PDB file of N, CA and C in Angstrom:
ATOM      1  N   MET A   1      77.014  91.773 111.410  1.00  0.00           N
ATOM      2  CA  MET A   1      77.639  92.225 110.178  1.00  0.00           C
ATOM      3  C   MET A   1      78.331  91.048 109.504  1.00  0.00           C
ATOM      4  N   HIS A   2      78.032  90.841 108.237  1.00  0.00           N
ATOM      5  CA  HIS A   2      78.671  89.787 107.460  1.00  0.00           C
ATOM      6  C   HIS A   2      79.877  90.355 106.722  1.00  0.00           C
ATOM      7  N   VAL A   3      80.993  89.619 106.773  1.00  0.00           N
ATOM      8  CA  VAL A   3      82.221  90.006 106.092  1.00  0.00           C
ATOM      9  C   VAL A   3      82.509  88.944 105.037  1.00  0.00           C
ATOM     10  N   ASN A   4      82.483  89.344 103.761  1.00  0.00           N
ATOM     11  CA  ASN A   4      82.741  88.405 102.675  1.00  0.00           C
ATOM     12  C   ASN A   4      84.232  88.100 102.583  1.00  0.00           C
ATOM     13  N   CYS A   5      84.541  86.805 102.539  1.00  0.00           N
ATOM     14  CA  CYS A   5      85.924  86.344 102.470  1.00  0.00           C
ATOM     15  C   CYS A   5      86.022  85.197 101.466  1.00  0.00           C
ATOM     16  N   VAL A   6      87.249  84.927 101.034  1.00  0.00           N
ATOM     17  CA  VAL A   6      87.513  83.820 100.121  1.00  0.00           C
ATOM     18  C   VAL A   6      88.709  83.020 100.635  1.00  0.00           C
ATOM     19  N   GLY A   7      88.754  81.752 100.231  1.00  0.00           N
ATOM     20  CA  GLY A   7      89.880  80.889 100.556  1.00  0.00           C
ATOM     21  C   GLY A   7      90.263  80.089  99.327  1.00  0.00           C
ATOM     22  N   ALA A   8      91.555  79.748  99.218  1.00  0.00           N
ATOM     23  CA  ALA A   8      92.078  79.015  98.064  1.00  0.00           C
ATOM     24  C   ALA A   8      92.487  77.607  98.475  1.00  0.00           C
ATOM     25  N   ILE A   9      91.864  76.635  97.846  1.00  0.00           N
ATOM     26  CA  ILE A   9      92.236  75.235  98.039  1.00  0.00           C
ATOM     27  C   ILE A   9      93.158  74.882  96.886  1.00  0.00           C
ATOM     28  N   ILE A  10      94.453  74.777  97.187  1.00  0.00           N
ATOM     29  CA  ILE A  10      95.471  74.564  96.157  1.00  0.00           C
ATOM     30  C   ILE A  10      96.207  73.269  96.467  1.00  0.00           C
ATOM     31  N   LEU A  11      96.136  72.328  95.540  1.00  0.00           N
ATOM     32  CA  LEU A  11      96.840  71.051  95.682  1.00  0.00           C
ATOM     33  C   LEU A  11      97.944  70.979  94.637  1.00  0.00           C
ATOM     34  N   ASP A  12      99.090  70.404  95.018  1.00  0.00           N
ATOM     35  CA  ASP A  12     100.170  70.239  94.038  1.00  0.00           C
ATOM     36  C   ASP A  12     100.043  68.870  93.368  1.00  0.00           C
ATOM     37  N   GLY A  13     100.977  68.556  92.495  1.00  0.00           N
ATOM     38  CA  GLY A  13     100.935  67.304  91.748  1.00  0.00           C
ATOM     39  C   GLY A  13     101.014  66.064  92.617  1.00  0.00           C
ATOM     40  N   ALA A  14     101.534  66.215  93.848  1.00  0.00           N
ATOM     41  CA  ALA A  14     101.647  65.089  94.774  1.00  0.00           C
ATOM     42  C   ALA A  14     100.433  65.005  95.703  1.00  0.00           C
ATOM     43  N   GLY A  15      99.444  65.878  95.475  1.00  0.00           N
ATOM     44  CA  GLY A  15      98.256  65.855  96.316  1.00  0.00           C
ATOM     45  C   GLY A  15      98.400  66.576  97.646  1.00  0.00           C
ATOM     46  N   ARG A  16      99.492  67.363  97.776  1.00  0.00           N
ATOM     47  CA  ARG A  16      99.694  68.117  99.017  1.00  0.00           C
ATOM     48  C   ARG A  16      98.920  69.427  98.953  1.00  0.00           C
ATOM     49  N   LEU A  17      98.415  69.863 100.105  1.00  0.00           N
ATOM     50  CA  LEU A  17      97.620  71.072 100.230  1.00  0.00           C
ATOM     51  C   LEU A  17      98.514  72.241 100.646  1.00  0.00           C
ATOM     52  N   LEU A  18      98.328  73.393 100.000  1.00  0.00           N
ATOM     53  CA  LEU A  18      99.077  74.588 100.372  1.00  0.00           C
ATOM     54  C   LEU A  18      98.446  75.216 101.611  1.00  0.00           C
ATOM     55  N   LEU A  19      99.251  75.386 102.656  1.00  0.00           N
ATOM     56  CA  LEU A  19      98.803  75.998 103.896  1.00  0.00           C
ATOM     57  C   LEU A  19      99.681  77.192 104.243  1.00  0.00           C
ATOM     58  N   ILE A  20      99.088  78.151 104.939  1.00  0.00           N
ATOM     59  CA  ILE A  20      99.857  79.260 105.503  1.00  0.00           C
ATOM     60  C   ILE A  20      99.591  79.310 107.004  1.00  0.00           C
ATOM     61  N   ARG A  21     100.596  79.748 107.756  1.00  0.00           N
ATOM     62  CA  ARG A  21     100.408  79.955 109.198  1.00  0.00           C
ATOM     63  C   ARG A  21     100.086  81.421 109.395  1.00  0.00           C
ATOM     64  N   ARG A  22      98.935  81.694 109.961  1.00  0.00           N
ATOM     65  CA  ARG A  22      98.460  83.067 110.154  1.00  0.00           C
ATOM     66  C   ARG A  22      99.385  83.838 111.071  1.00  0.00           C
ATOM     67  N   GLY A  23      99.761  85.038 110.630  1.00  0.00           N
ATOM     68  CA  GLY A  23     100.667  85.877 111.398  1.00  0.00           C
ATOM     69  C   GLY A  23      99.962  86.909 112.259  1.00  0.00           C
ATOM     70  N   HIS A  24      98.641  87.055 112.063  1.00  0.00           N
ATOM     71  CA  HIS A  24      97.860  88.054 112.792  1.00  0.00           C
ATOM     72  C   HIS A  24      96.488  87.478 113.118  1.00  0.00           C
ATOM     73  N   PRO A  25      95.791  88.056 114.093  1.00  0.00           N
ATOM     74  CA  PRO A  25      94.418  87.632 114.370  1.00  0.00           C
ATOM     75  C   PRO A  25      93.529  87.919 113.156  1.00  0.00           C
ATOM     76  N   PRO A  26      92.444  87.216 112.914  1.00  0.00           N
ATOM     77  CA  PRO A  26      92.036  86.049 113.689  1.00  0.00           C
ATOM     78  C   PRO A  26      92.865  84.821 113.306  1.00  0.00           C
ATOM     79  N   GLY A  27      93.006  83.927 114.223  1.00  0.00           N
ATOM     80  CA  GLY A  27      93.709  82.678 113.940  1.00  0.00           C
ATOM     81  C   GLY A  27      95.215  82.773 113.965  1.00  0.00           C
ATOM     82  N   GLU A  28      95.764  83.786 114.621  1.00  0.00           N
ATOM     83  CA  GLU A  28      97.220  83.939 114.669  1.00  0.00           C
ATOM     84  C   GLU A  28      97.881  82.663 115.172  1.00  0.00           C
ATOM     85  N   GLY A  29      98.899  82.191 114.441  1.00  0.00           N
ATOM     86  CA  GLY A  29      99.641  80.991 114.815  1.00  0.00           C
ATOM     87  C   GLY A  29      99.042  79.698 114.298  1.00  0.00           C
ATOM     88  N   LEU A  30      97.819  79.755 113.776  1.00  0.00           N
ATOM     89  CA  LEU A  30      97.174  78.554 113.259  1.00  0.00           C
ATOM     90  C   LEU A  30      97.413  78.422 111.761  1.00  0.00           C
ATOM     91  N   TRP A  31      97.382  77.194 111.277  1.00  0.00           N
ATOM     92  CA  TRP A  31      97.556  76.914 109.863  1.00  0.00           C
ATOM     93  C   TRP A  31      96.199  76.924 109.171  1.00  0.00           C
ATOM     94  N   SER A  32      96.148  77.455 107.968  1.00  0.00           N
ATOM     95  CA  SER A  32      94.914  77.530 107.190  1.00  0.00           C
ATOM     96  C   SER A  32      95.257  77.595 105.714  1.00  0.00           C
ATOM     97  N   ILE A  33      94.224  77.611 104.883  1.00  0.00           N
ATOM     98  CA  ILE A  33      94.450  77.820 103.463  1.00  0.00           C
ATOM     99  C   ILE A  33      94.593  79.326 103.226  1.00  0.00           C
ATOM    100  N   PRO A  34      95.298  79.734 102.175  1.00  0.00           N
ATOM    101  CA  PRO A  34      95.433  81.164 101.894  1.00  0.00           C
ATOM    102  C   PRO A  34      94.071  81.792 101.610  1.00  0.00           C
ATOM    103  N   GLY A  35      93.921  83.036 102.005  1.00  0.00           N
ATOM    104  CA  GLY A  35      92.680  83.735 101.716  1.00  0.00           C
ATOM    105  C   GLY A  35      92.506  84.952 102.598  1.00  0.00           C
ATOM    106  N   GLY A  36      91.372  85.608 102.441  1.00  0.00           N
ATOM    107  CA  GLY A  36      91.099  86.796 103.236  1.00  0.00           C
ATOM    108  C   GLY A  36      89.850  87.504 102.754  1.00  0.00           C
ATOM    109  N   ARG A  37      89.742  88.757 103.143  1.00  0.00           N
ATOM    110  CA  ARG A  37      88.544  89.551 102.856  1.00  0.00           C
ATOM    111  C   ARG A  37      88.451  89.953 101.391  1.00  0.00           C
ATOM    112  N   VAL A  38      87.212  90.011 100.928  1.00  0.00           N
ATOM    113  CA  VAL A  38      86.915  90.550  99.604  1.00  0.00           C
ATOM    114  C   VAL A  38      86.728  92.051  99.786  1.00  0.00           C
ATOM    115  N   GLU A  39      87.527  92.849  99.088  1.00  0.00           N
ATOM    116  CA  GLU A  39      87.434  94.305  99.193  1.00  0.00           C
ATOM    117  C   GLU A  39      86.242  94.824  98.387  1.00  0.00           C
ATOM    118  N   ALA A  40      85.768  96.019  98.714  1.00  0.00           N
ATOM    119  CA  ALA A  40      84.633  96.631  98.019  1.00  0.00           C
ATOM    120  C   ALA A  40      84.916  96.706  96.521  1.00  0.00           C
ATOM    121  N   GLY A  41      83.959  96.262  95.721  1.00  0.00           N
ATOM    122  CA  GLY A  41      84.094  96.317  94.273  1.00  0.00           C
ATOM    123  C   GLY A  41      84.932  95.205  93.674  1.00  0.00           C
ATOM    124  N   GLU A  42      85.423  94.303  94.486  1.00  0.00           N
ATOM    125  CA  GLU A  42      86.298  93.224  94.025  1.00  0.00           C
ATOM    126  C   GLU A  42      85.480  91.949  93.837  1.00  0.00           C
ATOM    127  N   SER A  43      85.740  91.209  92.777  1.00  0.00           N
ATOM    128  CA  SER A  43      85.091  89.908  92.593  1.00  0.00           C
ATOM    129  C   SER A  43      85.781  88.892  93.492  1.00  0.00           C
ATOM    130  N   ASP A  44      85.103  87.756  93.725  1.00  0.00           N
ATOM    131  CA  ASP A  44      85.736  86.697  94.507  1.00  0.00           C
ATOM    132  C   ASP A  44      87.046  86.249  93.860  1.00  0.00           C
ATOM    133  N   ALA A  45      87.031  86.079  92.527  1.00  0.00           N
ATOM    134  CA  ALA A  45      88.229  85.607  91.826  1.00  0.00           C
ATOM    135  C   ALA A  45      89.381  86.598  91.978  1.00  0.00           C
ATOM    136  N   ALA A  46      89.093  87.880  91.835  1.00  0.00           N
ATOM    137  CA  ALA A  46      90.142  88.893  91.982  1.00  0.00           C
ATOM    138  C   ALA A  46      90.681  88.910  93.410  1.00  0.00           C
ATOM    139  N   ALA A  47      89.786  88.804  94.382  1.00  0.00           N
ATOM    140  CA  ALA A  47      90.212  88.786  95.788  1.00  0.00           C
ATOM    141  C   ALA A  47      91.081  87.566  96.062  1.00  0.00           C
ATOM    142  N   LEU A  48      90.687  86.426  95.523  1.00  0.00           N
ATOM    143  CA  LEU A  48      91.445  85.201  95.754  1.00  0.00           C
ATOM    144  C   LEU A  48      92.843  85.302  95.145  1.00  0.00           C
ATOM    145  N   ARG A  49      92.927  85.790  93.901  1.00  0.00           N
ATOM    146  CA  ARG A  49      94.248  85.950  93.270  1.00  0.00           C
ATOM    147  C   ARG A  49      95.117  86.909  94.086  1.00  0.00           C
ATOM    148  N   ARG A  50      94.541  88.020  94.541  1.00  0.00           N
ATOM    149  CA  ARG A  50      95.295  89.009  95.321  1.00  0.00           C
ATOM    150  C   ARG A  50      95.769  88.412  96.644  1.00  0.00           C
ATOM    151  N   GLU A  51      94.867  87.771  97.365  1.00  0.00           N
ATOM    152  CA  GLU A  51      95.230  87.209  98.669  1.00  0.00           C
ATOM    153  C   GLU A  51      96.306  86.129  98.552  1.00  0.00           C
ATOM    154  N   VAL A  52      96.172  85.241  97.559  1.00  0.00           N
ATOM    155  CA  VAL A  52      97.181  84.187  97.376  1.00  0.00           C
ATOM    156  C   VAL A  52      98.535  84.815  97.049  1.00  0.00           C
ATOM    157  N   MET A  53      98.547  85.809  96.170  1.00  0.00           N
ATOM    158  CA  MET A  53      99.804  86.482  95.827  1.00  0.00           C
ATOM    159  C   MET A  53     100.419  87.141  97.054  1.00  0.00           C
ATOM    160  N   GLU A  54      99.607  87.873  97.827  1.00  0.00           N
ATOM    161  CA  GLU A  54     100.124  88.568  99.012  1.00  0.00           C
ATOM    162  C   GLU A  54     100.666  87.598 100.056  1.00  0.00           C
ATOM    163  N   GLU A  55      99.986  86.470 100.248  1.00  0.00           N
ATOM    164  CA  GLU A  55     100.348  85.554 101.327  1.00  0.00           C
ATOM    165  C   GLU A  55     101.379  84.508 100.933  1.00  0.00           C
ATOM    166  N   THR A  56     101.485  84.184  99.619  1.00  0.00           N
ATOM    167  CA  THR A  56     102.369  83.084  99.215  1.00  0.00           C
ATOM    168  C   THR A  56     103.343  83.430  98.103  1.00  0.00           C
ATOM    169  N   GLY A  57     103.139  84.544  97.398  1.00  0.00           N
ATOM    170  CA  GLY A  57     103.977  84.884  96.257  1.00  0.00           C
ATOM    171  C   GLY A  57     103.622  84.110  95.001  1.00  0.00           C
ATOM    172  N   LEU A  58     102.541  83.338  95.027  1.00  0.00           N
ATOM    173  CA  LEU A  58     102.163  82.517  93.879  1.00  0.00           C
ATOM    174  C   LEU A  58     101.046  83.169  93.064  1.00  0.00           C
ATOM    175  N   VAL A  59     101.120  82.974  91.749  1.00  0.00           N
ATOM    176  CA  VAL A  59     100.080  83.428  90.830  1.00  0.00           C
ATOM    177  C   VAL A  59      99.188  82.214  90.556  1.00  0.00           C
ATOM    178  N   VAL A  60      97.872  82.389  90.724  1.00  0.00           N
ATOM    179  CA  VAL A  60      96.963  81.260  90.554  1.00  0.00           C
ATOM    180  C   VAL A  60      95.853  81.557  89.560  1.00  0.00           C
ATOM    181  N   THR A  61      95.300  80.470  89.021  1.00  0.00           N
ATOM    182  CA  THR A  61      94.059  80.512  88.274  1.00  0.00           C
ATOM    183  C   THR A  61      92.979  79.994  89.210  1.00  0.00           C
ATOM    184  N   VAL A  62      91.891  80.752  89.308  1.00  0.00           N
ATOM    185  CA  VAL A  62      90.797  80.386  90.208  1.00  0.00           C
ATOM    186  C   VAL A  62      89.862  79.426  89.505  1.00  0.00           C
ATOM    187  N   GLY A  63      89.547  78.335  90.180  1.00  0.00           N
ATOM    188  CA  GLY A  63      88.637  77.329  89.663  1.00  0.00           C
ATOM    189  C   GLY A  63      87.264  77.445  90.302  1.00  0.00           C
ATOM    190  N   PRO A  64      86.547  76.334  90.351  1.00  0.00           N
ATOM    191  CA  PRO A  64      85.173  76.359  90.848  1.00  0.00           C
ATOM    192  C   PRO A  64      85.074  76.535  92.365  1.00  0.00           C
ATOM    193  N   LEU A  65      83.921  77.037  92.778  1.00  0.00           N
ATOM    194  CA  LEU A  65      83.576  77.121  94.189  1.00  0.00           C
ATOM    195  C   LEU A  65      83.399  75.710  94.718  1.00  0.00           C
ATOM    196  N   VAL A  66      84.042  75.417  95.854  1.00  0.00           N
ATOM    197  CA  VAL A  66      83.952  74.092  96.452  1.00  0.00           C
ATOM    198  C   VAL A  66      82.915  74.078  97.574  1.00  0.00           C
ATOM    199  N   GLY A  67      82.901  75.137  98.375  1.00  0.00           N
ATOM    200  CA  GLY A  67      81.969  75.202  99.491  1.00  0.00           C
ATOM    201  C   GLY A  67      82.106  76.518 100.217  1.00  0.00           C
ATOM    202  N   ALA A  68      81.251  76.719 101.192  1.00  0.00           N
ATOM    203  CA  ALA A  68      81.282  77.952 101.986  1.00  0.00           C
ATOM    204  C   ALA A  68      81.032  77.613 103.450  1.00  0.00           C
ATOM    205  N   VAL A  69      81.643  78.412 104.321  1.00  0.00           N
ATOM    206  CA  VAL A  69      81.455  78.258 105.769  1.00  0.00           C
ATOM    207  C   VAL A  69      81.259  79.637 106.376  1.00  0.00           C
ATOM    208  N   GLU A  70      80.697  79.655 107.558  1.00  0.00           N
ATOM    209  CA  GLU A  70      80.580  80.890 108.328  1.00  0.00           C
ATOM    210  C   GLU A  70      81.350  80.702 109.628  1.00  0.00           C
ATOM    211  N   ARG A  71      82.116  81.719 109.992  1.00  0.00           N
ATOM    212  CA  ARG A  71      82.896  81.687 111.230  1.00  0.00           C
ATOM    213  C   ARG A  71      82.644  82.973 111.998  1.00  0.00           C
ATOM    214  N   SER A  72      82.559  82.867 113.315  1.00  0.00           N
ATOM    215  CA  SER A  72      82.361  84.044 114.166  1.00  0.00           C
ATOM    216  C   SER A  72      83.625  84.876 114.203  1.00  0.00           C
ATOM    217  N   GLY A  73      83.435  86.192 114.186  1.00  0.00           N
ATOM    218  CA  GLY A  73      84.552  87.125 114.271  1.00  0.00           C
ATOM    219  C   GLY A  73      84.360  88.058 115.443  1.00  0.00           C
ATOM    220  N   PRO A  74      85.266  89.016 115.595  1.00  0.00           N
ATOM    221  CA  PRO A  74      85.179  89.959 116.706  1.00  0.00           C
ATOM    222  C   PRO A  74      83.967  90.883 116.576  1.00  0.00           C
ATOM    223  N   ALA A  75      83.481  91.342 117.695  1.00  0.00           N
ATOM    224  CA  ALA A  75      82.384  92.324 117.776  1.00  0.00           C
ATOM    225  C   ALA A  75      81.136  91.872 117.032  1.00  0.00           C
ATOM    226  N   GLY A  76      80.861  90.564 117.058  1.00  0.00           N
ATOM    227  CA  GLY A  76      79.651  90.045 116.447  1.00  0.00           C
ATOM    228  C   GLY A  76      79.711  89.861 114.946  1.00  0.00           C
ATOM    229  N   ALA A  77      80.857  90.107 114.339  1.00  0.00           N
ATOM    230  CA  ALA A  77      80.990  89.921 112.892  1.00  0.00           C
ATOM    231  C   ALA A  77      80.892  88.432 112.550  1.00  0.00           C
ATOM    232  N   VAL A  78      80.406  88.149 111.362  1.00  0.00           N
ATOM    233  CA  VAL A  78      80.363  86.785 110.844  1.00  0.00           C
ATOM    234  C   VAL A  78      81.137  86.766 109.531  1.00  0.00           C
ATOM    235  N   TYR A  79      82.203  85.975 109.498  1.00  0.00           N
ATOM    236  CA  TYR A  79      82.978  85.823 108.269  1.00  0.00           C
ATOM    237  C   TYR A  79      82.292  84.777 107.403  1.00  0.00           C
ATOM    238  N   VAL A  80      81.866  85.171 106.205  1.00  0.00           N
ATOM    239  CA  VAL A  80      81.291  84.254 105.227  1.00  0.00           C
ATOM    240  C   VAL A  80      82.417  83.932 104.249  1.00  0.00           C
ATOM    241  N   ILE A  81      82.935  82.704 104.349  1.00  0.00           N
ATOM    242  CA  ILE A  81      84.133  82.329 103.594  1.00  0.00           C
ATOM    243  C   ILE A  81      83.747  81.354 102.487  1.00  0.00           C
ATOM    244  N   ARG A  82      83.989  81.779 101.241  1.00  0.00           N
ATOM    245  CA  ARG A  82      83.735  80.930 100.075  1.00  0.00           C
ATOM    246  C   ARG A  82      85.090  80.382  99.615  1.00  0.00           C
ATOM    247  N   ASP A  83      85.208  79.046  99.604  1.00  0.00           N
ATOM    248  CA  ASP A  83      86.470  78.400  99.260  1.00  0.00           C
ATOM    249  C   ASP A  83      86.417  77.855  97.839  1.00  0.00           C
ATOM    250  N   TYR A  84      87.439  78.226  97.061  1.00  0.00           N
ATOM    251  CA  TYR A  84      87.534  77.849  95.653  1.00  0.00           C
ATOM    252  C   TYR A  84      88.766  76.986  95.412  1.00  0.00           C
ATOM    253  N   LEU A  85      88.670  76.067  94.458  1.00  0.00           N
ATOM    254  CA  LEU A  85      89.865  75.390  93.975  1.00  0.00           C
ATOM    255  C   LEU A  85      90.687  76.399  93.194  1.00  0.00           C
ATOM    256  N   ALA A  86      91.994  76.256  93.232  1.00  0.00           N
ATOM    257  CA  ALA A  86      92.885  77.115  92.454  1.00  0.00           C
ATOM    258  C   ALA A  86      94.115  76.313  92.061  1.00  0.00           C
ATOM    259  N   THR A  87      94.730  76.706  90.960  1.00  0.00           N
ATOM    260  CA  THR A  87      95.947  76.048  90.505  1.00  0.00           C
ATOM    261  C   THR A  87      97.054  77.085  90.349  1.00  0.00           C
ATOM    262  N   VAL A  88      98.270  76.671  90.645  1.00  0.00           N
ATOM    263  CA  VAL A  88      99.421  77.567  90.571  1.00  0.00           C
ATOM    264  C   VAL A  88      99.888  77.685  89.128  1.00  0.00           C
ATOM    265  N   ASP A  89     100.055  78.925  88.677  1.00  0.00           N
ATOM    266  CA  ASP A  89     100.559  79.202  87.334  1.00  0.00           C
ATOM    267  C   ASP A  89     102.024  79.624  87.344  1.00  0.00           C
ATOM    268  N   ALA A  90     102.425  80.352  88.397  1.00  0.00           N
ATOM    269  CA  ALA A  90     103.785  80.897  88.440  1.00  0.00           C
ATOM    270  C   ALA A  90     104.096  81.330  89.865  1.00  0.00           C
ATOM    271  N   GLY A  91     105.381  81.649  90.065  1.00  0.00           N
ATOM    272  CA  GLY A  91     105.825  82.189  91.344  1.00  0.00           C
ATOM    273  C   GLY A  91     106.625  81.194  92.155  1.00  0.00           C
ATOM    274  N   THR A  92     107.212  81.713  93.230  1.00  0.00           N
ATOM    275  CA  THR A  92     107.985  80.913  94.172  1.00  0.00           C
ATOM    276  C   THR A  92     107.331  81.051  95.536  1.00  0.00           C
ATOM    277  N   LEU A  93     107.072  79.932  96.191  1.00  0.00           N
ATOM    278  CA  LEU A  93     106.395  79.954  97.483  1.00  0.00           C
ATOM    279  C   LEU A  93     107.224  80.727  98.502  1.00  0.00           C
ATOM    280  N   THR A  94     106.705  81.883  98.893  1.00  0.00           N
ATOM    281  CA  THR A  94     107.369  82.768  99.854  1.00  0.00           C
ATOM    282  C   THR A  94     106.290  83.401 100.729  1.00  0.00           C
ATOM    283  N   PRO A  95     106.294  83.116 102.040  1.00  0.00           N
ATOM    284  CA  PRO A  95     105.262  83.711 102.891  1.00  0.00           C
ATOM    285  C   PRO A  95     105.399  85.234 102.959  1.00  0.00           C
ATOM    286  N   GLY A  96     104.251  85.915 102.955  1.00  0.00           N
ATOM    287  CA  GLY A  96     104.253  87.365 103.045  1.00  0.00           C
ATOM    288  C   GLY A  96     102.947  87.869 103.603  1.00  0.00           C
ATOM    289  N   ASP A  97     102.823  89.177 103.771  1.00  0.00           N
ATOM    290  CA  ASP A  97     101.620  89.821 104.278  1.00  0.00           C
ATOM    291  C   ASP A  97     101.230  89.203 105.608  1.00  0.00           C
ATOM    292  N   ASP A  98     100.046  88.592 105.688  1.00  0.00           N
ATOM    293  CA  ASP A  98      99.521  88.025 106.931  1.00  0.00           C
ATOM    294  C   ASP A  98     100.121  86.658 107.244  1.00  0.00           C
ATOM    295  N   ALA A  99     100.858  86.063 106.319  1.00  0.00           N
ATOM    296  CA  ALA A  99     101.371  84.700 106.498  1.00  0.00           C
ATOM    297  C   ALA A  99     102.747  84.716 107.161  1.00  0.00           C
ATOM    298  N   ALA A 100     102.840  84.047 108.311  1.00  0.00           N
ATOM    299  CA  ALA A 100     104.123  83.925 109.008  1.00  0.00           C
ATOM    300  C   ALA A 100     104.960  82.799 108.408  1.00  0.00           C
ATOM    301  N   ALA A 101     104.288  81.839 107.758  1.00  0.00           N
ATOM    302  CA  ALA A 101     104.972  80.709 107.123  1.00  0.00           C
ATOM    303  C   ALA A 101     104.035  80.138 106.069  1.00  0.00           C
ATOM    304  N   ALA A 102     104.609  79.383 105.132  1.00  0.00           N
ATOM    305  CA  ALA A 102     103.820  78.716 104.101  1.00  0.00           C
ATOM    306  C   ALA A 102     104.480  77.384 103.794  1.00  0.00           C
ATOM    307  N   ARG A 103     103.652  76.367 103.532  1.00  0.00           N
ATOM    308  CA  ARG A 103     104.206  75.043 103.229  1.00  0.00           C
ATOM    309  C   ARG A 103     103.177  74.191 102.522  1.00  0.00           C
ATOM    310  N   TRP A 104     103.685  73.170 101.823  1.00  0.00           N
ATOM    311  CA  TRP A 104     102.836  72.139 101.238  1.00  0.00           C
ATOM    312  C   TRP A 104     102.720  71.032 102.275  1.00  0.00           C
ATOM    313  N   CYS A 105     101.516  70.516 102.457  1.00  0.00           N
ATOM    314  CA  CYS A 105     101.275  69.542 103.513  1.00  0.00           C
ATOM    315  C   CYS A 105     100.511  68.339 102.966  1.00  0.00           C
ATOM    316  N   ALA A 106     101.044  67.145 103.225  1.00  0.00           N
ATOM    317  CA  ALA A 106     100.343  65.920 102.834  1.00  0.00           C
ATOM    318  C   ALA A 106      99.060  65.800 103.658  1.00  0.00           C
ATOM    319  N   PRO A 107      97.980  65.312 103.049  1.00  0.00           N
ATOM    320  CA  PRO A 107      96.721  65.190 103.783  1.00  0.00           C
ATOM    321  C   PRO A 107      96.847  64.432 105.107  1.00  0.00           C
ATOM    322  N   ALA A 108      97.688  63.407 105.140  1.00  0.00           N
ATOM    323  CA  ALA A 108      97.849  62.624 106.368  1.00  0.00           C
ATOM    324  C   ALA A 108      98.479  63.445 107.496  1.00  0.00           C
ATOM    325  N   ASP A 109      99.215  64.507 107.143  1.00  0.00           N
ATOM    326  CA  ASP A 109      99.889  65.324 108.155  1.00  0.00           C
ATOM    327  C   ASP A 109      99.012  66.451 108.699  1.00  0.00           C
ATOM    328  N   LEU A 110      97.856  66.679 108.082  1.00  0.00           N
ATOM    329  CA  LEU A 110      97.010  67.796 108.513  1.00  0.00           C
ATOM    330  C   LEU A 110      96.570  67.659 109.967  1.00  0.00           C
ATOM    331  N   ALA A 111      96.313  66.437 110.402  1.00  0.00           N
ATOM    332  CA  ALA A 111      95.846  66.212 111.775  1.00  0.00           C
ATOM    333  C   ALA A 111      96.927  66.543 112.802  1.00  0.00           C
ATOM    334  N   LEU A 112      98.186  66.658 112.367  1.00  0.00           N
ATOM    335  CA  LEU A 112      99.290  66.936 113.287  1.00  0.00           C
ATOM    336  C   LEU A 112      99.527  68.434 113.487  1.00  0.00           C
ATOM    337  N   LEU A 113      98.887  69.259 112.670  1.00  0.00           N
ATOM    338  CA  LEU A 113      99.104  70.705 112.742  1.00  0.00           C
ATOM    339  C   LEU A 113      97.963  71.400 113.482  1.00  0.00           C
ATOM    340  N   PRO A 114      98.270  72.526 114.138  1.00  0.00           N
ATOM    341  CA  PRO A 114      97.188  73.332 114.720  1.00  0.00           C
ATOM    342  C   PRO A 114      96.494  74.108 113.603  1.00  0.00           C
ATOM    343  N   LEU A 115      95.344  73.611 113.174  1.00  0.00           N
ATOM    344  CA  LEU A 115      94.607  74.202 112.058  1.00  0.00           C
ATOM    345  C   LEU A 115      93.535  75.162 112.565  1.00  0.00           C
ATOM    346  N   THR A 116      93.114  76.080 111.699  1.00  0.00           N
ATOM    347  CA  THR A 116      91.997  76.951 112.051  1.00  0.00           C
ATOM    348  C   THR A 116      90.759  76.080 112.255  1.00  0.00           C
ATOM    349  N   ASP A 117      89.892  76.545 113.135  1.00  0.00           N
ATOM    350  CA  ASP A 117      88.712  75.800 113.541  1.00  0.00           C
ATOM    351  C   ASP A 117      87.853  75.412 112.346  1.00  0.00           C
ATOM    352  N   GLY A 118      87.574  74.116 112.228  1.00  0.00           N
ATOM    353  CA  GLY A 118      86.670  73.627 111.202  1.00  0.00           C
ATOM    354  C   GLY A 118      87.280  73.363 109.840  1.00  0.00           C
ATOM    355  N   LEU A 119      88.552  73.716 109.633  1.00  0.00           N
ATOM    356  CA  LEU A 119      89.150  73.562 108.302  1.00  0.00           C
ATOM    357  C   LEU A 119      89.172  72.106 107.849  1.00  0.00           C
ATOM    358  N   LEU A 120      89.697  71.228 108.681  1.00  0.00           N
ATOM    359  CA  LEU A 120      89.826  69.824 108.287  1.00  0.00           C
ATOM    360  C   LEU A 120      88.449  69.201 108.049  1.00  0.00           C
ATOM    361  N   ASP A 121      87.485  69.523 108.904  1.00  0.00           N
ATOM    362  CA  ASP A 121      86.127  68.995 108.723  1.00  0.00           C
ATOM    363  C   ASP A 121      85.532  69.464 107.401  1.00  0.00           C
ATOM    364  N   ALA A 122      85.691  70.741 107.083  1.00  0.00           N
ATOM    365  CA  ALA A 122      85.141  71.291 105.838  1.00  0.00           C
ATOM    366  C   ALA A 122      85.782  70.612 104.628  1.00  0.00           C
ATOM    367  N   LEU A 123      87.111  70.553 104.598  1.00  0.00           N
ATOM    368  CA  LEU A 123      87.812  69.970 103.451  1.00  0.00           C
ATOM    369  C   LEU A 123      87.441  68.497 103.281  1.00  0.00           C
ATOM    370  N   THR A 124      87.277  67.788 104.389  1.00  0.00           N
ATOM    371  CA  THR A 124      86.901  66.381 104.339  1.00  0.00           C
ATOM    372  C   THR A 124      85.466  66.228 103.833  1.00  0.00           C
ATOM    373  N   SER A 125      84.553  67.036 104.354  1.00  0.00           N
ATOM    374  CA  SER A 125      83.145  66.926 103.951  1.00  0.00           C
ATOM    375  C   SER A 125      82.951  67.307 102.480  1.00  0.00           C
ATOM    376  N   TRP A 126      83.833  68.135 101.936  1.00  0.00           N
ATOM    377  CA  TRP A 126      83.756  68.538 100.530  1.00  0.00           C
ATOM    378  C   TRP A 126      84.519  67.576  99.614  1.00  0.00           C
ATOM    379  N   ASP A 127      85.078  66.488 100.173  1.00  0.00           N
ATOM    380  CA  ASP A 127      85.851  65.503  99.401  1.00  0.00           C
ATOM    381  C   ASP A 127      87.042  66.102  98.677  1.00  0.00           C
ATOM    382  N   VAL A 128      87.673  67.099  99.294  1.00  0.00           N
ATOM    383  CA  VAL A 128      88.854  67.712  98.704  1.00  0.00           C
ATOM    384  C   VAL A 128      90.092  66.877  98.998  1.00  0.00           C
ATOM    385  N   LEU A 129      90.120  66.249 100.176  1.00  0.00           N
ATOM    386  CA  LEU A 129      91.299  65.464 100.586  1.00  0.00           C
ATOM    387  C   LEU A 129      91.098  63.987 100.322  1.00  0.00           C
TER     388      LEU A 129
END
């Protein structure tokens, strides 16, 4: 079973990447970009705006698709994650919903954090960092 998901690649003016620490499985305790499942009838852009708002309190404009990855999930599920660039329009960074924490992270510091599997490789291969 394929599960459609989206992720937001959000960089600030200093080139720092917005990360959230997952508060629930999958990936509980690991740092990742904001995102989650696309609900039935929802566009990728709508899902991305909703997930970013729920997890960070920020309002974003969704930009272009950067890349996609597939990750194994429970019970044979495959998460198909499409990652988009996004820019912050409004809001105050406040972790919520599935996010136990949220922070801006310099690219050089990413290697020091426990990241979700494959995140750093994907972002590097897509020339985002």
